[in-house]
N, C-alpha and C. Protein backbone atom coordinates (compact mmCIF):
# COMPACT_ATOMS: atom_id res chain seq x y z
N MET A 1 46.03 -19.43 -18.09
CA MET A 1 45.41 -19.05 -18.94
C MET A 1 43.98 -19.78 -18.63
N LYS A 2 44.39 -21.29 -18.87
CA LYS A 2 43.42 -21.96 -18.81
C LYS A 2 42.99 -22.62 -17.14
N ARG A 3 43.68 -22.12 -16.19
CA ARG A 3 43.11 -21.69 -14.88
C ARG A 3 41.57 -21.00 -14.75
N THR A 4 42.34 -19.65 -15.58
CA THR A 4 41.27 -18.69 -15.41
C THR A 4 39.94 -19.17 -15.60
N VAL A 5 40.37 -20.24 -17.16
CA VAL A 5 38.88 -20.35 -17.88
C VAL A 5 37.42 -21.59 -17.53
N ILE A 6 39.02 -22.23 -16.39
CA ILE A 6 38.04 -23.05 -15.78
C ILE A 6 37.48 -22.58 -14.27
N ALA A 7 37.90 -21.72 -14.07
CA ALA A 7 37.20 -20.88 -12.91
C ALA A 7 36.02 -20.25 -12.95
N VAL A 8 36.20 -19.47 -13.91
CA VAL A 8 35.28 -18.95 -15.12
C VAL A 8 34.25 -19.92 -15.27
N ILE A 9 34.58 -20.77 -15.73
CA ILE A 9 33.59 -21.83 -16.10
C ILE A 9 32.39 -22.98 -14.76
N ALA A 10 33.07 -22.78 -14.13
CA ALA A 10 32.79 -23.78 -12.49
C ALA A 10 32.35 -22.29 -12.12
N GLY A 11 32.44 -21.32 -12.04
CA GLY A 11 30.88 -20.25 -11.47
C GLY A 11 30.14 -19.86 -12.02
N LEU A 12 30.35 -20.01 -13.48
CA LEU A 12 28.58 -19.50 -14.12
C LEU A 12 28.04 -20.74 -13.77
N LEU A 13 28.60 -21.85 -13.70
CA LEU A 13 28.06 -23.61 -13.29
C LEU A 13 27.47 -23.46 -11.59
N VAL A 14 27.75 -22.59 -11.14
CA VAL A 14 27.25 -22.64 -9.98
C VAL A 14 26.11 -21.27 -9.60
N PHE A 15 26.54 -20.18 -10.46
CA PHE A 15 25.91 -19.45 -10.69
C PHE A 15 24.50 -19.46 -11.30
N GLY A 16 23.95 -20.54 -11.63
CA GLY A 16 23.05 -20.96 -12.65
C GLY A 16 22.43 -22.38 -11.74
N GLY A 17 23.05 -22.92 -11.05
CA GLY A 17 22.39 -23.78 -10.14
C GLY A 17 21.69 -22.86 -9.17
N VAL A 18 22.09 -21.67 -9.05
CA VAL A 18 21.44 -20.93 -7.52
C VAL A 18 20.67 -20.01 -8.04
N ILE A 19 20.04 -19.79 -8.96
CA ILE A 19 18.86 -19.01 -10.14
C ILE A 19 18.13 -20.26 -10.58
N ALA A 20 18.62 -20.80 -11.06
CA ALA A 20 17.39 -22.31 -11.12
C ALA A 20 16.50 -22.49 -10.05
N SER A 21 17.20 -22.84 -8.35
CA SER A 21 17.00 -23.14 -7.38
C SER A 21 16.12 -21.68 -6.81
N ALA A 22 16.55 -20.48 -7.05
CA ALA A 22 15.67 -19.61 -6.70
C ALA A 22 14.06 -19.58 -7.21
N THR A 23 13.81 -19.69 -8.63
CA THR A 23 13.37 -19.27 -9.29
C THR A 23 12.02 -20.59 -9.11
N SER A 24 12.56 -21.86 -8.54
CA SER A 24 11.46 -22.72 -7.85
C SER A 24 11.76 -22.66 -6.77
N LEU A 25 11.09 -21.78 -5.92
CA LEU A 25 10.42 -21.14 -4.54
C LEU A 25 9.06 -21.25 -4.32
N GLY A 26 8.19 -21.08 -5.99
CA GLY A 26 6.75 -20.82 -5.81
C GLY A 26 6.73 -19.56 -4.50
N GLY A 27 4.99 -20.01 -4.78
CA GLY A 27 4.54 -19.06 -4.13
C GLY A 27 4.25 -18.94 -2.81
N VAL A 28 3.38 -18.08 -2.13
CA VAL A 28 3.30 -17.94 -0.56
C VAL A 28 2.40 -18.66 -0.63
N THR A 29 2.49 -20.17 0.87
CA THR A 29 1.48 -20.82 0.99
C THR A 29 1.48 -21.25 2.59
N SER A 30 0.67 -21.95 3.33
CA SER A 30 1.06 -22.23 4.38
C SER A 30 1.64 -23.07 5.09
N LYS A 31 2.27 -23.85 3.98
CA LYS A 31 3.71 -24.96 4.30
C LYS A 31 5.12 -24.29 3.89
N ALA A 32 4.58 -23.40 2.67
CA ALA A 32 6.26 -23.05 2.29
C ALA A 32 6.27 -21.40 1.80
N LEU A 33 7.49 -20.65 1.69
CA LEU A 33 7.23 -19.67 2.06
C LEU A 33 8.20 -19.88 1.19
N GLY A 34 7.71 -18.31 0.25
CA GLY A 34 8.06 -18.20 -1.72
C GLY A 34 8.12 -16.73 -1.69
N SER A 35 8.06 -16.36 -2.53
CA SER A 35 8.20 -14.66 -3.23
C SER A 35 7.18 -14.14 -4.02
N SER A 36 5.43 -14.68 -3.45
CA SER A 36 4.81 -13.87 -3.33
C SER A 36 3.86 -13.51 -2.40
N ALA A 37 2.74 -12.79 -3.22
CA ALA A 37 1.72 -12.31 -1.99
C ALA A 37 0.55 -12.98 -1.50
N SER A 38 0.44 -13.69 0.21
CA SER A 38 -0.56 -14.53 -0.31
C SER A 38 -0.95 -14.42 1.31
N VAL A 39 -2.46 -14.95 1.78
CA VAL A 39 -2.83 -15.25 2.86
C VAL A 39 -2.40 -16.42 3.75
N VAL A 40 -1.50 -16.29 4.23
CA VAL A 40 -0.67 -17.58 5.26
C VAL A 40 -1.75 -17.56 6.58
N ALA A 41 -2.69 -18.45 6.41
CA ALA A 41 -3.95 -18.13 7.42
C ALA A 41 -3.80 -19.65 8.73
N SER A 42 -3.67 -18.57 9.79
CA SER A 42 -3.54 -19.43 10.81
C SER A 42 -4.77 -19.48 11.58
N CYS A 43 -5.28 -17.95 13.18
CA CYS A 43 -6.68 -17.99 13.55
C CYS A 43 -8.23 -17.37 12.41
N ASP A 44 -7.16 -17.10 11.54
CA ASP A 44 -8.62 -16.29 10.92
C ASP A 44 -8.48 -16.90 9.42
N THR A 45 -9.05 -17.27 8.85
CA THR A 45 -9.07 -18.22 7.56
C THR A 45 -9.84 -17.59 6.85
N ASP A 46 -10.42 -15.99 7.17
CA ASP A 46 -11.45 -15.89 5.74
C ASP A 46 -11.02 -14.40 5.39
N GLY A 47 -9.54 -14.03 6.03
CA GLY A 47 -9.28 -12.87 6.04
C GLY A 47 -9.49 -11.09 6.37
N VAL A 48 -9.12 -9.86 6.84
CA VAL A 48 -9.74 -9.05 7.25
C VAL A 48 -9.73 -7.88 5.89
N THR A 49 -10.29 -6.98 6.50
CA THR A 49 -10.95 -5.77 6.21
C THR A 49 -9.70 -4.70 7.02
N LEU A 50 -9.53 -3.50 5.96
CA LEU A 50 -9.10 -2.55 6.21
C LEU A 50 -9.82 -1.70 6.39
N GLY A 51 -9.88 -0.21 6.84
CA GLY A 51 -10.09 1.23 6.74
C GLY A 51 -8.97 1.89 7.29
N TYR A 52 -9.01 3.09 6.61
CA TYR A 52 -7.71 4.06 6.98
C TYR A 52 -8.41 5.32 7.25
N THR A 53 -7.87 6.01 8.08
CA THR A 53 -8.27 6.96 9.28
C THR A 53 -7.02 8.65 8.64
N THR A 54 -7.46 9.32 7.80
CA THR A 54 -6.91 10.51 7.38
C THR A 54 -6.83 11.63 8.00
N ALA A 55 -6.57 12.36 7.69
CA ALA A 55 -6.43 13.58 7.70
C ALA A 55 -5.83 14.63 6.62
N PHE A 56 -6.00 16.37 6.65
CA PHE A 56 -5.02 16.78 5.49
C PHE A 56 -4.38 17.65 6.38
N ASP A 57 -2.51 17.19 6.17
CA ASP A 57 -2.10 18.09 6.90
C ASP A 57 -1.55 19.40 5.88
N ALA A 58 -2.26 20.32 6.69
CA ALA A 58 -1.40 21.87 6.34
C ALA A 58 0.37 22.01 5.84
N THR A 59 0.84 21.97 6.77
CA THR A 59 1.82 21.53 6.36
C THR A 59 3.03 21.20 5.32
N THR A 60 2.27 19.83 5.43
CA THR A 60 2.75 19.68 4.03
C THR A 60 1.54 19.20 2.90
N GLY A 61 1.02 19.81 2.98
CA GLY A 61 -0.20 19.92 1.66
C GLY A 61 -0.67 18.78 1.20
N ALA A 62 -0.09 17.77 2.06
CA ALA A 62 -1.05 16.51 2.11
C ALA A 62 -1.90 15.53 2.80
N TYR A 63 -2.64 14.34 2.19
CA TYR A 63 -3.72 13.88 3.25
C TYR A 63 -2.61 13.04 4.04
N ARG A 64 -3.04 12.95 4.63
CA ARG A 64 -1.90 11.82 5.65
C ARG A 64 -2.64 10.32 6.00
N VAL A 65 -2.11 9.15 6.00
CA VAL A 65 -3.27 8.10 7.02
C VAL A 65 -2.29 8.31 8.59
N SER A 66 -3.06 8.43 9.21
CA SER A 66 -2.66 8.36 10.85
C SER A 66 -3.54 7.03 11.67
N ALA A 67 -4.31 6.24 11.04
CA ALA A 67 -4.39 4.97 11.91
C ALA A 67 -5.33 4.40 10.71
N VAL A 68 -5.14 2.82 11.08
CA VAL A 68 -5.50 1.40 10.02
C VAL A 68 -6.52 0.43 11.36
N THR A 69 -7.42 1.06 10.51
CA THR A 69 -8.22 -0.45 11.26
C THR A 69 -8.62 -1.56 10.56
N VAL A 70 -8.51 -2.79 11.73
CA VAL A 70 -8.66 -3.98 11.02
C VAL A 70 -10.21 -4.32 11.72
N GLY A 71 -11.06 -4.86 10.66
CA GLY A 71 -11.89 -5.52 11.09
C GLY A 71 -12.36 -6.83 10.22
N GLY A 72 -13.32 -7.66 10.98
CA GLY A 72 -13.48 -8.56 10.39
C GLY A 72 -12.59 -10.33 10.84
N ILE A 73 -11.87 -9.98 12.40
CA ILE A 73 -10.67 -10.52 12.40
C ILE A 73 -11.54 -11.76 13.91
N ALA A 74 -11.24 -13.06 13.24
CA ALA A 74 -11.37 -13.89 14.08
C ALA A 74 -11.27 -14.00 15.69
N PRO A 75 -12.67 -14.20 16.47
CA PRO A 75 -12.93 -14.20 17.58
C PRO A 75 -11.75 -15.35 17.61
N SER A 76 -11.26 -16.38 17.27
CA SER A 76 -10.01 -17.41 17.43
C SER A 76 -8.37 -16.88 17.86
N CYS A 77 -8.58 -15.05 17.46
CA CYS A 77 -7.74 -14.67 17.23
C CYS A 77 -6.93 -13.90 18.17
N ASN A 78 -8.26 -13.36 19.18
CA ASN A 78 -7.88 -12.68 20.29
C ASN A 78 -6.73 -13.00 21.54
N GLY A 79 -6.31 -12.61 21.61
CA GLY A 79 -5.47 -12.56 22.38
C GLY A 79 -3.55 -12.71 21.84
N GLN A 80 -3.74 -12.50 20.30
CA GLN A 80 -2.68 -12.54 19.44
C GLN A 80 -1.75 -11.01 19.68
N ASN A 81 -1.01 -11.06 18.44
CA ASN A 81 -0.33 -10.30 18.29
C ASN A 81 -0.51 -9.26 17.25
N ILE A 82 -1.70 -8.29 16.65
CA ILE A 82 -1.34 -7.25 15.75
C ILE A 82 -0.95 -6.77 15.39
N GLN A 83 -0.56 -6.35 13.55
CA GLN A 83 0.37 -5.31 13.38
C GLN A 83 0.32 -4.66 11.83
N VAL A 84 0.32 -3.23 11.31
CA VAL A 84 -0.11 -3.34 10.31
C VAL A 84 1.32 -3.08 9.18
N SER A 85 1.72 -3.11 8.78
CA SER A 85 2.84 -2.52 7.90
C SER A 85 2.34 -1.53 6.62
N LEU A 86 2.02 -0.69 6.14
CA LEU A 86 1.87 -0.04 4.82
C LEU A 86 3.17 -0.13 3.89
N ARG A 87 2.67 -0.36 2.64
CA ARG A 87 4.04 -0.28 1.68
C ARG A 87 3.88 0.42 0.76
N ASN A 88 4.29 1.29 -0.04
CA ASN A 88 4.95 1.76 -1.40
C ASN A 88 4.93 1.23 -2.58
N THR A 89 4.38 1.59 -3.59
CA THR A 89 4.55 1.05 -5.36
C THR A 89 5.48 -0.18 -5.46
N GLY A 90 6.24 0.30 -5.14
CA GLY A 90 7.82 -0.47 -4.81
C GLY A 90 7.92 -1.80 -3.83
N GLY A 91 6.80 -1.77 -3.13
CA GLY A 91 6.66 -3.10 -2.24
C GLY A 91 7.42 -2.41 -1.03
N THR A 92 8.15 -1.39 -0.76
CA THR A 92 8.43 -1.18 0.25
C THR A 92 8.41 -0.98 2.18
N LEU A 93 8.99 -1.22 2.79
CA LEU A 93 7.94 -0.89 3.93
C LEU A 93 7.93 0.67 4.03
N SER A 94 6.77 1.43 4.43
CA SER A 94 6.82 2.79 4.37
C SER A 94 6.53 3.44 5.58
N ALA A 95 5.85 2.33 5.94
CA ALA A 95 5.32 3.05 8.03
C ALA A 95 4.58 1.70 8.61
N SER A 96 4.50 2.12 9.54
CA SER A 96 3.60 0.55 10.69
C SER A 96 3.20 0.93 11.78
N THR A 97 2.51 0.38 12.50
CA THR A 97 1.99 0.82 13.08
C THR A 97 2.46 0.02 14.82
N ALA A 98 2.43 0.23 16.02
CA ALA A 98 2.95 -0.69 16.97
C ALA A 98 2.03 -2.38 17.06
N THR A 99 2.67 -3.15 18.22
CA THR A 99 2.00 -4.30 18.00
C THR A 99 1.18 -4.08 18.85
N THR A 100 -0.08 -4.38 19.21
CA THR A 100 -1.60 -4.50 19.68
C THR A 100 -2.52 -5.44 19.80
N ALA A 101 -2.12 -6.50 21.52
CA ALA A 101 -3.25 -7.70 21.71
C ALA A 101 -4.42 -7.04 20.94
N VAL A 102 -5.02 -8.32 19.82
CA VAL A 102 -6.21 -8.91 20.11
C VAL A 102 -7.33 -8.80 20.80
N ALA A 103 -8.52 -7.72 20.98
CA ALA A 103 -8.80 -8.06 22.37
C ALA A 103 -10.45 -8.30 21.49
N SER A 104 -11.01 -8.02 20.22
CA SER A 104 -12.00 -7.99 19.64
C SER A 104 -11.57 -8.47 17.96
N THR A 105 -13.54 -8.78 17.27
CA THR A 105 -13.63 -8.79 16.07
C THR A 105 -13.14 -7.39 15.22
N SER A 106 -12.17 -6.68 15.41
CA SER A 106 -11.69 -5.28 15.47
C SER A 106 -10.76 -4.47 15.80
N ALA A 107 -9.59 -3.92 15.17
CA ALA A 107 -8.75 -2.82 16.11
C ALA A 107 -8.37 -2.04 15.63
N THR A 108 -8.10 -0.89 16.11
CA THR A 108 -7.67 0.65 15.53
C THR A 108 -6.23 0.54 16.00
N LEU A 109 -5.27 1.11 14.84
CA LEU A 109 -4.16 0.77 15.68
C LEU A 109 -3.73 2.14 14.80
N ALA A 110 -2.93 3.25 15.72
CA ALA A 110 -2.56 4.32 15.08
C ALA A 110 -0.99 3.87 14.40
N VAL A 111 -1.12 5.02 13.15
CA VAL A 111 0.10 5.39 12.40
C VAL A 111 0.79 6.27 12.93
N SER A 112 2.78 5.50 13.65
CA SER A 112 3.37 6.95 13.84
C SER A 112 4.54 6.89 13.36
N PRO A 113 5.16 7.70 12.91
CA PRO A 113 4.77 8.86 12.35
C PRO A 113 3.71 8.99 11.72
N THR A 114 2.65 9.68 11.46
CA THR A 114 1.19 10.07 10.10
C THR A 114 2.49 9.97 8.85
N TYR A 115 1.52 9.17 7.88
CA TYR A 115 2.10 8.18 6.40
C TYR A 115 1.44 9.17 5.18
N ASP A 116 2.33 9.91 4.14
CA ASP A 116 1.07 10.48 3.00
C ASP A 116 0.49 10.11 2.60
N VAL A 117 -0.74 9.37 2.59
CA VAL A 117 -2.19 8.45 1.80
C VAL A 117 -1.78 8.15 -0.17
N ALA A 118 -0.85 9.33 -0.61
CA ALA A 118 -0.80 9.40 -2.24
C ALA A 118 1.03 7.96 -1.97
N ASN A 119 1.12 7.55 -0.83
CA ASN A 119 2.25 6.60 -1.17
C ASN A 119 1.68 5.19 -0.78
N VAL A 120 0.68 5.16 0.22
CA VAL A 120 0.88 3.74 0.33
C VAL A 120 -0.84 3.06 -0.49
N ASP A 121 0.53 1.72 -1.06
CA ASP A 121 -0.11 1.04 -2.75
C ASP A 121 -0.96 -0.11 -1.92
N SER A 122 -0.12 -0.54 -1.06
CA SER A 122 -0.50 -2.29 -0.18
C SER A 122 -0.24 -1.89 0.99
N ALA A 123 -0.97 -2.91 1.96
CA ALA A 123 -0.96 -2.85 3.59
C ALA A 123 -0.70 -4.54 3.88
N SER A 124 0.27 -5.25 4.88
CA SER A 124 0.31 -6.14 5.50
C SER A 124 0.38 -6.15 6.86
N VAL A 125 -0.78 -7.32 6.86
CA VAL A 125 -1.27 -7.32 8.53
C VAL A 125 -0.29 -8.59 8.67
N LEU A 126 -0.25 -8.47 10.10
CA LEU A 126 0.19 -9.67 10.43
C LEU A 126 -0.18 -9.84 11.72
N ILE A 127 -0.74 -11.15 12.02
CA ILE A 127 -1.74 -11.58 13.78
C ILE A 127 -0.73 -12.52 14.22
N ALA A 128 -0.36 -13.48 14.64
CA ALA A 128 0.55 -13.56 15.35
C ALA A 128 0.44 -14.03 17.37
N ALA A 129 1.29 -15.21 17.45
CA ALA A 129 0.83 -15.40 18.57
C ALA A 129 2.00 -14.55 19.13
N THR A 130 1.38 -14.28 21.05
CA THR A 130 2.62 -13.21 21.62
C THR A 130 3.60 -14.69 22.25
């Protein structure tokens, strides 16, 4: 009985230490990654804009995203790869584009298969060196 009590207390102490460490992760910055959403700037320091190409799908009876246009890309990003991920209200990855090389200040990326517009809550844009 005494061993069981000691094991339970030790387990709670370890669990408490892990939780305390996790809560101190902080947000996302260029120096540390944590548990929030933010811009981690590299080649583009002022952010980008997004536009969506949508079309009505008679089969499903819903509008669907078929492409995402990323604008305002800094010229210093040319030659790097870009990809867009669409997320639902729970923050779960729902659809993404193929990775494409940046060639100008805007890029249109196809979403395949198309994705229901009503389920898009947010988007993540990744521009990274090849």
